[in-house]
Amino acid sequence: MPQLNPAPWFYILIFSWLIFILIIPLKVVAHTYPNPPTSKTTDSPKTDSWSWPW
């Protein structure tokens, strides 16, 4: 049964895990956001009561 031969699949497994562990995190960390987050102001907005027409 050829699927029991680990020779090619073991190297594919190791190579794919090396990509997941070494290359992808570097690309994720290097990602920059187009709009940096801004801090929220501590002032609460002024709310008026509504005057309903009925």
PDB file of N, CA and C in Angstrom:
ATOM      1  N   MET A   1       0.840  -1.182   0.000  1.00  0.00           N
ATOM      2  CA  MET A   1       0.000   0.000   0.000  1.00  0.00           C
ATOM      3  C   MET A   1       0.885   1.246   0.000  1.00  0.00           C
ATOM      4  N   PRO A   2       0.800   2.069  -1.014  1.00  0.00           N
ATOM      5  CA  PRO A   2       1.735   3.186  -1.142  1.00  0.00           C
ATOM      6  C   PRO A   2       1.509   4.297  -0.112  1.00  0.00           C
ATOM      7  N   GLN A   3       0.301   4.418   0.464  1.00  0.00           N
ATOM      8  CA  GLN A   3       0.092   5.497   1.415  1.00  0.00           C
ATOM      9  C   GLN A   3       0.793   5.246   2.748  1.00  0.00           C
ATOM     10  N   LEU A   4       1.307   4.059   2.953  1.00  0.00           N
ATOM     11  CA  LEU A   4       2.048   3.782   4.172  1.00  0.00           C
ATOM     12  C   LEU A   4       3.521   4.157   4.047  1.00  0.00           C
ATOM     13  N   ASN A   5       3.954   4.529   2.876  1.00  0.00           N
ATOM     14  CA  ASN A   5       5.327   4.958   2.679  1.00  0.00           C
ATOM     15  C   ASN A   5       5.438   6.427   3.105  1.00  0.00           C
ATOM     16  N   PRO A   6       6.115   6.741   4.217  1.00  0.00           N
ATOM     17  CA  PRO A   6       6.148   8.119   4.716  1.00  0.00           C
ATOM     18  C   PRO A   6       7.192   9.001   4.040  1.00  0.00           C
ATOM     19  N   ALA A   7       7.938   8.459   3.102  1.00  0.00           N
ATOM     20  CA  ALA A   7       9.053   9.219   2.535  1.00  0.00           C
ATOM     21  C   ALA A   7       8.634  10.539   1.894  1.00  0.00           C
ATOM     22  N   PRO A   8       7.732  10.605   0.914  1.00  0.00           N
ATOM     23  CA  PRO A   8       7.430  11.920   0.339  1.00  0.00           C
ATOM     24  C   PRO A   8       6.527  12.750   1.239  1.00  0.00           C
ATOM     25  N   TRP A   9       5.607  12.113   1.965  1.00  0.00           N
ATOM     26  CA  TRP A   9       4.630  12.869   2.745  1.00  0.00           C
ATOM     27  C   TRP A   9       5.246  13.496   3.978  1.00  0.00           C
ATOM     28  N   PHE A  10       6.237  12.868   4.537  1.00  0.00           N
ATOM     29  CA  PHE A  10       6.884  13.446   5.722  1.00  0.00           C
ATOM     30  C   PHE A  10       7.589  14.749   5.365  1.00  0.00           C
ATOM     31  N   TYR A  11       8.242  14.790   4.224  1.00  0.00           N
ATOM     32  CA  TYR A  11       8.924  16.018   3.807  1.00  0.00           C
ATOM     33  C   TYR A  11       7.925  17.114   3.438  1.00  0.00           C
ATOM     34  N   ILE A  12       6.795  16.730   2.863  1.00  0.00           N
ATOM     35  CA  ILE A  12       5.754  17.715   2.565  1.00  0.00           C
ATOM     36  C   ILE A  12       5.189  18.280   3.867  1.00  0.00           C
ATOM     37  N   LEU A  13       4.983  17.422   4.843  1.00  0.00           N
ATOM     38  CA  LEU A  13       4.491  17.868   6.148  1.00  0.00           C
ATOM     39  C   LEU A  13       5.478  18.826   6.812  1.00  0.00           C
ATOM     40  N   ILE A  14       6.739  18.477   6.834  1.00  0.00           N
ATOM     41  CA  ILE A  14       7.758  19.329   7.452  1.00  0.00           C
ATOM     42  C   ILE A  14       7.870  20.656   6.709  1.00  0.00           C
ATOM     43  N   PHE A  15       7.862  20.628   5.400  1.00  0.00           N
ATOM     44  CA  PHE A  15       7.974  21.856   4.616  1.00  0.00           C
ATOM     45  C   PHE A  15       6.768  22.768   4.822  1.00  0.00           C
ATOM     46  N   SER A  16       5.575  22.184   4.875  1.00  0.00           N
ATOM     47  CA  SER A  16       4.388  23.015   5.083  1.00  0.00           C
ATOM     48  C   SER A  16       4.380  23.617   6.484  1.00  0.00           C
ATOM     49  N   TRP A  17       4.811  22.873   7.492  1.00  0.00           N
ATOM     50  CA  TRP A  17       4.867  23.439   8.841  1.00  0.00           C
ATOM     51  C   TRP A  17       5.939  24.513   8.951  1.00  0.00           C
ATOM     52  N   LEU A  18       7.034  24.369   8.241  1.00  0.00           N
ATOM     53  CA  LEU A  18       8.041  25.429   8.242  1.00  0.00           C
ATOM     54  C   LEU A  18       7.481  26.711   7.636  1.00  0.00           C
ATOM     55  N   ILE A  19       6.665  26.577   6.610  1.00  0.00           N
ATOM     56  CA  ILE A  19       6.030  27.759   6.019  1.00  0.00           C
ATOM     57  C   ILE A  19       5.086  28.389   7.025  1.00  0.00           C
ATOM     58  N   PHE A  20       4.268  27.565   7.685  1.00  0.00           N
ATOM     59  CA  PHE A  20       3.313  28.100   8.656  1.00  0.00           C
ATOM     60  C   PHE A  20       3.991  28.735   9.862  1.00  0.00           C
ATOM     61  N   ILE A  21       5.123  28.206  10.269  1.00  0.00           N
ATOM     62  CA  ILE A  21       5.779  28.704  11.483  1.00  0.00           C
ATOM     63  C   ILE A  21       6.722  29.865  11.193  1.00  0.00           C
ATOM     64  N   LEU A  22       7.409  29.845  10.061  1.00  0.00           N
ATOM     65  CA  LEU A  22       8.440  30.849   9.806  1.00  0.00           C
ATOM     66  C   LEU A  22       8.014  31.974   8.873  1.00  0.00           C
ATOM     67  N   ILE A  23       7.322  31.674   7.813  1.00  0.00           N
ATOM     68  CA  ILE A  23       7.063  32.678   6.778  1.00  0.00           C
ATOM     69  C   ILE A  23       5.767  33.443   7.029  1.00  0.00           C
ATOM     70  N   ILE A  24       4.689  32.734   7.314  1.00  0.00           N
ATOM     71  CA  ILE A  24       3.392  33.403   7.469  1.00  0.00           C
ATOM     72  C   ILE A  24       3.375  34.370   8.655  1.00  0.00           C
ATOM     73  N   PRO A  25       3.905  34.039   9.838  1.00  0.00           N
ATOM     74  CA  PRO A  25       3.896  35.036  10.923  1.00  0.00           C
ATOM     75  C   PRO A  25       4.671  36.302  10.581  1.00  0.00           C
ATOM     76  N   LEU A  26       5.739  36.190   9.809  1.00  0.00           N
ATOM     77  CA  LEU A  26       6.486  37.389   9.428  1.00  0.00           C
ATOM     78  C   LEU A  26       5.641  38.293   8.542  1.00  0.00           C
ATOM     79  N   LYS A  27       4.854  37.700   7.661  1.00  0.00           N
ATOM     80  CA  LYS A  27       3.991  38.491   6.793  1.00  0.00           C
ATOM     81  C   LYS A  27       2.840  39.113   7.575  1.00  0.00           C
ATOM     82  N   VAL A  28       2.331  38.413   8.560  1.00  0.00           N
ATOM     83  CA  VAL A  28       1.233  38.950   9.360  1.00  0.00           C
ATOM     84  C   VAL A  28       1.723  40.093  10.244  1.00  0.00           C
ATOM     85  N   VAL A  29       2.888  39.945  10.837  1.00  0.00           N
ATOM     86  CA  VAL A  29       3.426  40.992  11.713  1.00  0.00           C
ATOM     87  C   VAL A  29       3.799  42.229  10.911  1.00  0.00           C
ATOM     88  N   ALA A  30       4.222  42.058   9.680  1.00  0.00           N
ATOM     89  CA  ALA A  30       4.622  43.189   8.856  1.00  0.00           C
ATOM     90  C   ALA A  30       3.429  43.937   8.272  1.00  0.00           C
ATOM     91  N   HIS A  31       2.229  43.428   8.492  1.00  0.00           N
ATOM     92  CA  HIS A  31       1.040  44.076   7.941  1.00  0.00           C
ATOM     93  C   HIS A  31       0.797  45.404   8.658  1.00  0.00           C
ATOM     94  N   THR A  32       0.547  46.443   7.891  1.00  0.00           N
ATOM     95  CA  THR A  32       0.230  47.745   8.480  1.00  0.00           C
ATOM     96  C   THR A  32      -1.195  48.115   8.101  1.00  0.00           C
ATOM     97  N   TYR A  33      -1.873  48.743   9.024  1.00  0.00           N
ATOM     98  CA  TYR A  33      -3.245  49.154   8.787  1.00  0.00           C
ATOM     99  C   TYR A  33      -3.261  50.507   8.099  1.00  0.00           C
ATOM    100  N   PRO A  34      -4.197  50.742   7.174  1.00  0.00           N
ATOM    101  CA  PRO A  34      -4.234  52.023   6.465  1.00  0.00           C
ATOM    102  C   PRO A  34      -4.626  53.183   7.382  1.00  0.00           C
ATOM    103  N   ASN A  35      -5.458  52.928   8.369  1.00  0.00           N
ATOM    104  CA  ASN A  35      -5.868  53.957   9.315  1.00  0.00           C
ATOM    105  C   ASN A  35      -5.488  53.512  10.718  1.00  0.00           C
ATOM    106  N   PRO A  36      -4.528  54.173  11.335  1.00  0.00           N
ATOM    107  CA  PRO A  36      -4.144  53.755  12.681  1.00  0.00           C
ATOM    108  C   PRO A  36      -5.283  54.026  13.663  1.00  0.00           C
ATOM    109  N   PRO A  37      -5.432  53.200  14.679  1.00  0.00           N
ATOM    110  CA  PRO A  37      -6.518  53.411  15.631  1.00  0.00           C
ATOM    111  C   PRO A  37      -6.296  54.690  16.442  1.00  0.00           C
ATOM    112  N   THR A  38      -7.371  55.379  16.714  1.00  0.00           N
ATOM    113  CA  THR A  38      -7.295  56.605  17.511  1.00  0.00           C
ATOM    114  C   THR A  38      -7.887  56.329  18.878  1.00  0.00           C
ATOM    115  N   SER A  39      -7.396  57.056  19.854  1.00  0.00           N
ATOM    116  CA  SER A  39      -7.911  56.875  21.200  1.00  0.00           C
ATOM    117  C   SER A  39      -9.279  57.543  21.327  1.00  0.00           C
ATOM    118  N   LYS A  40     -10.114  56.948  22.125  1.00  0.00           N
ATOM    119  CA  LYS A  40     -11.461  57.452  22.315  1.00  0.00           C
ATOM    120  C   LYS A  40     -11.425  58.609  23.306  1.00  0.00           C
ATOM    121  N   THR A  41     -12.212  59.640  23.034  1.00  0.00           N
ATOM    122  CA  THR A  41     -12.249  60.775  23.948  1.00  0.00           C
ATOM    123  C   THR A  41     -13.055  60.415  25.182  1.00  0.00           C
ATOM    124  N   THR A  42     -12.718  61.042  26.294  1.00  0.00           N
ATOM    125  CA  THR A  42     -13.425  60.764  27.540  1.00  0.00           C
ATOM    126  C   THR A  42     -14.656  61.643  27.699  1.00  0.00           C
ATOM    127  N   ASP A  43     -14.831  62.628  26.825  1.00  0.00           N
ATOM    128  CA  ASP A  43     -16.013  63.484  26.905  1.00  0.00           C
ATOM    129  C   ASP A  43     -17.232  62.711  26.427  1.00  0.00           C
ATOM    130  N   SER A  44     -18.310  62.820  27.203  1.00  0.00           N
ATOM    131  CA  SER A  44     -19.540  62.164  26.777  1.00  0.00           C
ATOM    132  C   SER A  44     -20.309  63.126  25.872  1.00  0.00           C
ATOM    133  N   PRO A  45     -20.930  62.619  24.836  1.00  0.00           N
ATOM    134  CA  PRO A  45     -21.653  63.505  23.926  1.00  0.00           C
ATOM    135  C   PRO A  45     -22.889  64.098  24.610  1.00  0.00           C
ATOM    136  N   LYS A  46     -23.206  65.324  24.226  1.00  0.00           N
ATOM    137  CA  LYS A  46     -24.369  65.994  24.803  1.00  0.00           C
ATOM    138  C   LYS A  46     -25.618  65.482  24.104  1.00  0.00           C
ATOM    139  N   THR A  47     -26.541  64.965  24.902  1.00  0.00           N
ATOM    140  CA  THR A  47     -27.777  64.439  24.340  1.00  0.00           C
ATOM    141  C   THR A  47     -28.940  65.320  24.775  1.00  0.00           C
ATOM    142  N   ASP A  48     -29.790  65.644  23.837  1.00  0.00           N
ATOM    143  CA  ASP A  48     -30.995  66.430  24.124  1.00  0.00           C
ATOM    144  C   ASP A  48     -32.196  65.494  24.124  1.00  0.00           C
ATOM    145  N   SER A  49     -33.213  65.888  24.882  1.00  0.00           N
ATOM    146  CA  SER A  49     -34.434  65.088  24.869  1.00  0.00           C
ATOM    147  C   SER A  49     -35.187  65.351  23.566  1.00  0.00           C
ATOM    148  N   TRP A  50     -35.873  64.352  23.109  1.00  0.00           N
ATOM    149  CA  TRP A  50     -36.599  64.484  21.854  1.00  0.00           C
ATOM    150  C   TRP A  50     -37.977  65.076  22.118  1.00  0.00           C
ATOM    151  N   SER A  51     -38.364  65.920  21.239  1.00  0.00           N
ATOM    152  CA  SER A  51     -39.732  66.447  21.316  1.00  0.00           C
ATOM    153  C   SER A  51     -40.560  65.762  20.230  1.00  0.00           C
ATOM    154  N   TRP A  52     -41.344  64.809  20.633  1.00  0.00           N
ATOM    155  CA  TRP A  52     -42.123  64.026  19.680  1.00  0.00           C
ATOM    156  C   TRP A  52     -43.306  64.857  19.197  1.00  0.00           C
ATOM    157  N   PRO A  53     -43.675  64.767  17.934  1.00  0.00           N
ATOM    158  CA  PRO A  53     -44.734  65.598  17.399  1.00  0.00           C
ATOM    159  C   PRO A  53     -46.149  65.196  17.865  1.00  0.00           C
ATOM    160  N   TRP A  54     -46.338  64.109  18.519  1.00  0.00           N
ATOM    161  CA  TRP A  54     -47.693  63.741  18.940  1.00  0.00           C
ATOM    162  C   TRP A  54     -47.868  64.164  20.342  1.00  0.00           C
TER     163      TRP A  54
END
